[in-house]
Amino acid sequence: MTALKPQKRFTVSIDQADYDALQELSQSVSPPVNLQYLLRLAVRNLLEQHAAKQLSFPLERRP
């Protein structure tokens, strides 16, 4: 049996339109996935692109 790695929890607020789009995306696959899975996948992909210096967008905050 594989030991689970400890996970860090944090809270993030997003626009309602983004939340709705994520909900739609999560239900569009078969079987449906939860929002936590989608966000972990998105974070992992962002970090992998950053590590490979292949980010397709700037990380600077916009005013």
PDB file of N, CA and C in Angstrom:
ATOM      1  N   MET A   1       0.832  -1.182   0.000  1.00  0.00           N
ATOM      2  CA  MET A   1       0.000   0.000   0.000  1.00  0.00           C
ATOM      3  C   MET A   1       0.877   1.246   0.000  1.00  0.00           C
ATOM      4  N   THR A   2       0.552   2.219  -0.847  1.00  0.00           N
ATOM      5  CA  THR A   2       1.335   3.438  -0.974  1.00  0.00           C
ATOM      6  C   THR A   2       0.927   4.433   0.106  1.00  0.00           C
ATOM      7  N   ALA A   3       1.916   5.013   0.776  1.00  0.00           N
ATOM      8  CA  ALA A   3       1.626   6.018   1.800  1.00  0.00           C
ATOM      9  C   ALA A   3       1.209   7.323   1.124  1.00  0.00           C
ATOM     10  N   LEU A   4       0.204   7.963   1.674  1.00  0.00           N
ATOM     11  CA  LEU A   4      -0.250   9.244   1.134  1.00  0.00           C
ATOM     12  C   LEU A   4       0.707  10.351   1.533  1.00  0.00           C
ATOM     13  N   LYS A   5       0.985  11.240   0.597  1.00  0.00           N
ATOM     14  CA  LYS A   5       1.827  12.392   0.890  1.00  0.00           C
ATOM     15  C   LYS A   5       0.990  13.450   1.583  1.00  0.00           C
ATOM     16  N   PRO A   6       1.563  14.136   2.567  1.00  0.00           N
ATOM     17  CA  PRO A   6       0.794  15.208   3.212  1.00  0.00           C
ATOM     18  C   PRO A   6       0.475  16.307   2.203  1.00  0.00           C
ATOM     19  N   GLN A   7      -0.706  16.870   2.312  1.00  0.00           N
ATOM     20  CA  GLN A   7      -1.128  17.929   1.405  1.00  0.00           C
ATOM     21  C   GLN A   7      -1.369  19.198   2.193  1.00  0.00           C
ATOM     22  N   LYS A   8      -1.114  20.330   1.574  1.00  0.00           N
ATOM     23  CA  LYS A   8      -1.335  21.632   2.179  1.00  0.00           C
ATOM     24  C   LYS A   8      -2.640  22.199   1.648  1.00  0.00           C
ATOM     25  N   ARG A   9      -3.490  22.681   2.520  1.00  0.00           N
ATOM     26  CA  ARG A   9      -4.778  23.228   2.138  1.00  0.00           C
ATOM     27  C   ARG A   9      -4.710  24.757   2.196  1.00  0.00           C
ATOM     28  N   PHE A  10      -5.334  25.416   1.205  1.00  0.00           N
ATOM     29  CA  PHE A  10      -5.475  26.855   1.239  1.00  0.00           C
ATOM     30  C   PHE A  10      -6.766  27.233   0.536  1.00  0.00           C
ATOM     31  N   THR A  11      -7.194  28.455   0.732  1.00  0.00           N
ATOM     32  CA  THR A  11      -8.453  28.930   0.163  1.00  0.00           C
ATOM     33  C   THR A  11      -8.157  29.939  -0.933  1.00  0.00           C
ATOM     34  N   VAL A  12      -8.933  29.873  -1.983  1.00  0.00           N
ATOM     35  CA  VAL A  12      -8.798  30.825  -3.079  1.00  0.00           C
ATOM     36  C   VAL A  12     -10.192  31.275  -3.494  1.00  0.00           C
ATOM     37  N   SER A  13     -10.330  32.547  -3.809  1.00  0.00           N
ATOM     38  CA  SER A  13     -11.600  33.083  -4.303  1.00  0.00           C
ATOM     39  C   SER A  13     -11.460  33.360  -5.786  1.00  0.00           C
ATOM     40  N   ILE A  14     -12.486  32.998  -6.552  1.00  0.00           N
ATOM     41  CA  ILE A  14     -12.465  33.226  -7.994  1.00  0.00           C
ATOM     42  C   ILE A  14     -13.774  33.884  -8.414  1.00  0.00           C
ATOM     43  N   ASP A  15     -13.753  34.496  -9.572  1.00  0.00           N
ATOM     44  CA  ASP A  15     -14.968  35.111 -10.120  1.00  0.00           C
ATOM     45  C   ASP A  15     -16.039  34.049 -10.328  1.00  0.00           C
ATOM     46  N   GLN A  16     -17.293  34.467 -10.220  1.00  0.00           N
ATOM     47  CA  GLN A  16     -18.408  33.544 -10.399  1.00  0.00           C
ATOM     48  C   GLN A  16     -18.376  32.902 -11.787  1.00  0.00           C
ATOM     49  N   ALA A  17     -18.025  33.697 -12.813  1.00  0.00           N
ATOM     50  CA  ALA A  17     -17.977  33.155 -14.173  1.00  0.00           C
ATOM     51  C   ALA A  17     -16.915  32.057 -14.283  1.00  0.00           C
ATOM     52  N   ASP A  18     -15.764  32.241 -13.635  1.00  0.00           N
ATOM     53  CA  ASP A  18     -14.722  31.215 -13.654  1.00  0.00           C
ATOM     54  C   ASP A  18     -15.181  29.969 -12.904  1.00  0.00           C
ATOM     55  N   TYR A  19     -15.846  30.164 -11.776  1.00  0.00           N
ATOM     56  CA  TYR A  19     -16.370  29.035 -11.011  1.00  0.00           C
ATOM     57  C   TYR A  19     -17.377  28.234 -11.844  1.00  0.00           C
ATOM     58  N   ASP A  20     -18.280  28.957 -12.492  1.00  0.00           N
ATOM     59  CA  ASP A  20     -19.277  28.292 -13.328  1.00  0.00           C
ATOM     60  C   ASP A  20     -18.614  27.512 -14.462  1.00  0.00           C
ATOM     61  N   ALA A  21     -17.589  28.100 -15.078  1.00  0.00           N
ATOM     62  CA  ALA A  21     -16.884  27.418 -16.170  1.00  0.00           C
ATOM     63  C   ALA A  21     -16.165  26.172 -15.656  1.00  0.00           C
ATOM     64  N   LEU A  22     -15.576  26.248 -14.466  1.00  0.00           N
ATOM     65  CA  LEU A  22     -14.923  25.080 -13.881  1.00  0.00           C
ATOM     66  C   LEU A  22     -15.938  23.982 -13.567  1.00  0.00           C
ATOM     67  N   GLN A  23     -17.095  24.380 -13.048  1.00  0.00           N
ATOM     68  CA  GLN A  23     -18.145  23.406 -12.755  1.00  0.00           C
ATOM     69  C   GLN A  23     -18.578  22.695 -14.049  1.00  0.00           C
ATOM     70  N   GLU A  24     -18.748  23.482 -15.097  1.00  0.00           N
ATOM     71  CA  GLU A  24     -19.146  22.907 -16.392  1.00  0.00           C
ATOM     72  C   GLU A  24     -18.076  21.950 -16.910  1.00  0.00           C
ATOM     73  N   LEU A  25     -16.817  22.368 -16.819  1.00  0.00           N
ATOM     74  CA  LEU A  25     -15.709  21.519 -17.257  1.00  0.00           C
ATOM     75  C   LEU A  25     -15.670  20.222 -16.455  1.00  0.00           C
ATOM     76  N   SER A  26     -15.850  20.322 -15.156  1.00  0.00           N
ATOM     77  CA  SER A  26     -15.775  19.133 -14.310  1.00  0.00           C
ATOM     78  C   SER A  26     -16.862  18.128 -14.649  1.00  0.00           C
ATOM     79  N   GLN A  27     -17.999  18.607 -15.113  1.00  0.00           N
ATOM     80  CA  GLN A  27     -19.112  17.722 -15.451  1.00  0.00           C
ATOM     81  C   GLN A  27     -19.062  17.238 -16.898  1.00  0.00           C
ATOM     82  N   SER A  28     -18.181  17.827 -17.699  1.00  0.00           N
ATOM     83  CA  SER A  28     -18.149  17.499 -19.136  1.00  0.00           C
ATOM     84  C   SER A  28     -17.358  16.239 -19.450  1.00  0.00           C
ATOM     85  N   VAL A  29     -16.628  15.724 -18.475  1.00  0.00           N
ATOM     86  CA  VAL A  29     -15.851  14.506 -18.704  1.00  0.00           C
ATOM     87  C   VAL A  29     -16.585  13.313 -18.099  1.00  0.00           C
ATOM     88  N   SER A  30     -16.248  12.136 -18.582  1.00  0.00           N
ATOM     89  CA  SER A  30     -16.920  10.946 -18.093  1.00  0.00           C
ATOM     90  C   SER A  30     -15.882   9.977 -17.535  1.00  0.00           C
ATOM     91  N   PRO A  31     -15.937   9.648 -16.272  1.00  0.00           N
ATOM     92  CA  PRO A  31     -16.892  10.148 -15.289  1.00  0.00           C
ATOM     93  C   PRO A  31     -16.527  11.570 -14.869  1.00  0.00           C
ATOM     94  N   PRO A  32     -17.488  12.325 -14.346  1.00  0.00           N
ATOM     95  CA  PRO A  32     -17.210  13.692 -13.888  1.00  0.00           C
ATOM     96  C   PRO A  32     -16.116  13.692 -12.816  1.00  0.00           C
ATOM     97  N   VAL A  33     -15.376  14.786 -12.753  1.00  0.00           N
ATOM     98  CA  VAL A  33     -14.327  14.948 -11.738  1.00  0.00           C
ATOM     99  C   VAL A  33     -14.712  16.104 -10.824  1.00  0.00           C
ATOM    100  N   ASN A  34     -14.075  16.169  -9.651  1.00  0.00           N
ATOM    101  CA  ASN A  34     -14.409  17.268  -8.745  1.00  0.00           C
ATOM    102  C   ASN A  34     -13.492  18.475  -8.988  1.00  0.00           C
ATOM    103  N   LEU A  35     -13.895  19.607  -8.442  1.00  0.00           N
ATOM    104  CA  LEU A  35     -13.134  20.843  -8.646  1.00  0.00           C
ATOM    105  C   LEU A  35     -11.743  20.755  -8.038  1.00  0.00           C
ATOM    106  N   GLN A  36     -11.609  20.062  -6.916  1.00  0.00           N
ATOM    107  CA  GLN A  36     -10.300  19.916  -6.290  1.00  0.00           C
ATOM    108  C   GLN A  36      -9.319  19.233  -7.240  1.00  0.00           C
ATOM    109  N   TYR A  37      -9.783  18.200  -7.920  1.00  0.00           N
ATOM    110  CA  TYR A  37      -8.923  17.500  -8.884  1.00  0.00           C
ATOM    111  C   TYR A  37      -8.510  18.440 -10.009  1.00  0.00           C
ATOM    112  N   LEU A  38      -9.477  19.181 -10.564  1.00  0.00           N
ATOM    113  CA  LEU A  38      -9.157  20.105 -11.655  1.00  0.00           C
ATOM    114  C   LEU A  38      -8.122  21.138 -11.232  1.00  0.00           C
ATOM    115  N   LEU A  39      -8.280  21.684 -10.045  1.00  0.00           N
ATOM    116  CA  LEU A  39      -7.345  22.719  -9.592  1.00  0.00           C
ATOM    117  C   LEU A  39      -5.977  22.145  -9.273  1.00  0.00           C
ATOM    118  N   ARG A  40      -5.914  20.944  -8.680  1.00  0.00           N
ATOM    119  CA  ARG A  40      -4.603  20.318  -8.450  1.00  0.00           C
ATOM    120  C   ARG A  40      -3.897  20.058  -9.782  1.00  0.00           C
ATOM    121  N   LEU A  41      -4.652  19.592 -10.774  1.00  0.00           N
ATOM    122  CA  LEU A  41      -4.090  19.356 -12.107  1.00  0.00           C
ATOM    123  C   LEU A  41      -3.579  20.657 -12.725  1.00  0.00           C
ATOM    124  N   ALA A  42      -4.358  21.721 -12.607  1.00  0.00           N
ATOM    125  CA  ALA A  42      -3.954  23.013 -13.170  1.00  0.00           C
ATOM    126  C   ALA A  42      -2.683  23.541 -12.489  1.00  0.00           C
ATOM    127  N   VAL A  43      -2.616  23.419 -11.166  1.00  0.00           N
ATOM    128  CA  VAL A  43      -1.426  23.881 -10.440  1.00  0.00           C
ATOM    129  C   VAL A  43      -0.214  23.055 -10.842  1.00  0.00           C
ATOM    130  N   ARG A  44      -0.386  21.742 -10.909  1.00  0.00           N
ATOM    131  CA  ARG A  44       0.732  20.868 -11.293  1.00  0.00           C
ATOM    132  C   ARG A  44       1.238  21.224 -12.694  1.00  0.00           C
ATOM    133  N   ASN A  45       0.310  21.449 -13.637  1.00  0.00           N
ATOM    134  CA  ASN A  45       0.714  21.820 -14.999  1.00  0.00           C
ATOM    135  C   ASN A  45       1.434  23.160 -15.018  1.00  0.00           C
ATOM    136  N   LEU A  46       0.952  24.132 -14.257  1.00  0.00           N
ATOM    137  CA  LEU A  46       1.606  25.442 -14.177  1.00  0.00           C
ATOM    138  C   LEU A  46       3.033  25.290 -13.658  1.00  0.00           C
ATOM    139  N   LEU A  47       3.211  24.530 -12.590  1.00  0.00           N
ATOM    140  CA  LEU A  47       4.545  24.358 -12.013  1.00  0.00           C
ATOM    141  C   LEU A  47       5.483  23.597 -12.943  1.00  0.00           C
ATOM    142  N   GLU A  48       4.963  22.611 -13.658  1.00  0.00           N
ATOM    143  CA  GLU A  48       5.796  21.880 -14.614  1.00  0.00           C
ATOM    144  C   GLU A  48       6.228  22.782 -15.767  1.00  0.00           C
ATOM    145  N   GLN A  49       5.316  23.619 -16.267  1.00  0.00           N
ATOM    146  CA  GLN A  49       5.671  24.553 -17.341  1.00  0.00           C
ATOM    147  C   GLN A  49       6.700  25.568 -16.853  1.00  0.00           C
ATOM    148  N   HIS A  50       6.525  26.037 -15.633  1.00  0.00           N
ATOM    149  CA  HIS A  50       7.486  26.992 -15.068  1.00  0.00           C
ATOM    150  C   HIS A  50       8.866  26.346 -14.936  1.00  0.00           C
ATOM    151  N   ALA A  51       8.910  25.126 -14.433  1.00  0.00           N
ATOM    152  CA  ALA A  51      10.192  24.432 -14.261  1.00  0.00           C
ATOM    153  C   ALA A  51      10.887  24.215 -15.600  1.00  0.00           C
ATOM    154  N   ALA A  52      10.109  23.977 -16.643  1.00  0.00           N
ATOM    155  CA  ALA A  52      10.678  23.751 -17.977  1.00  0.00           C
ATOM    156  C   ALA A  52      10.874  25.063 -18.740  1.00  0.00           C
ATOM    157  N   LYS A  53      10.586  26.185 -18.071  1.00  0.00           N
ATOM    158  CA  LYS A  53      10.687  27.518 -18.694  1.00  0.00           C
ATOM    159  C   LYS A  53       9.860  27.588 -19.973  1.00  0.00           C
ATOM    160  N   GLN A  54       8.637  27.038 -19.904  1.00  0.00           N
ATOM    161  CA  GLN A  54       7.750  27.008 -21.062  1.00  0.00           C
ATOM    162  C   GLN A  54       6.386  27.619 -20.760  1.00  0.00           C
ATOM    163  N   LEU A  55       6.355  28.558 -19.827  1.00  0.00           N
ATOM    164  CA  LEU A  55       5.082  29.222 -19.542  1.00  0.00           C
ATOM    165  C   LEU A  55       4.619  29.998 -20.760  1.00  0.00           C
ATOM    166  N   SER A  56       3.343  29.886 -21.075  1.00  0.00           N
ATOM    167  CA  SER A  56       2.812  30.565 -22.258  1.00  0.00           C
ATOM    168  C   SER A  56       2.174  31.915 -21.916  1.00  0.00           C
ATOM    169  N   PHE A  57       2.347  32.362 -20.665  1.00  0.00           N
ATOM    170  CA  PHE A  57       1.787  33.647 -20.247  1.00  0.00           C
ATOM    171  C   PHE A  57       2.659  34.221 -19.135  1.00  0.00           C
ATOM    172  N   PRO A  58       2.643  35.544 -18.969  1.00  0.00           N
ATOM    173  CA  PRO A  58       3.435  36.163 -17.904  1.00  0.00           C
ATOM    174  C   PRO A  58       2.758  35.968 -16.542  1.00  0.00           C
ATOM    175  N   LEU A  59       3.551  35.926 -15.495  1.00  0.00           N
ATOM    176  CA  LEU A  59       2.993  35.774 -14.140  1.00  0.00           C
ATOM    177  C   LEU A  59       2.775  37.115 -13.442  1.00  0.00           C
ATOM    178  N   GLU A  60       3.179  38.211 -14.063  1.00  0.00           N
ATOM    179  CA  GLU A  60       3.011  39.510 -13.427  1.00  0.00           C
ATOM    180  C   GLU A  60       1.532  39.814 -13.252  1.00  0.00           C
ATOM    181  N   ARG A  61       1.195  40.459 -12.120  1.00  0.00           N
ATOM    182  CA  ARG A  61      -0.190  40.851 -11.880  1.00  0.00           C
ATOM    183  C   ARG A  61      -0.564  42.028 -12.753  1.00  0.00           C
ATOM    184  N   ARG A  62      -1.764  42.006 -13.227  1.00  0.00           N
ATOM    185  CA  ARG A  62      -2.274  43.122 -14.027  1.00  0.00           C
ATOM    186  C   ARG A  62      -3.043  44.070 -13.122  1.00  0.00           C
ATOM    187  N   PRO A  63      -2.948  45.378 -13.382  1.00  0.00           N
ATOM    188  CA  PRO A  63      -3.688  46.337 -12.539  1.00  0.00           C
ATOM    189  C   PRO A  63      -5.192  46.200 -12.713  1.00  0.00           C
TER     190      PRO A  63
END
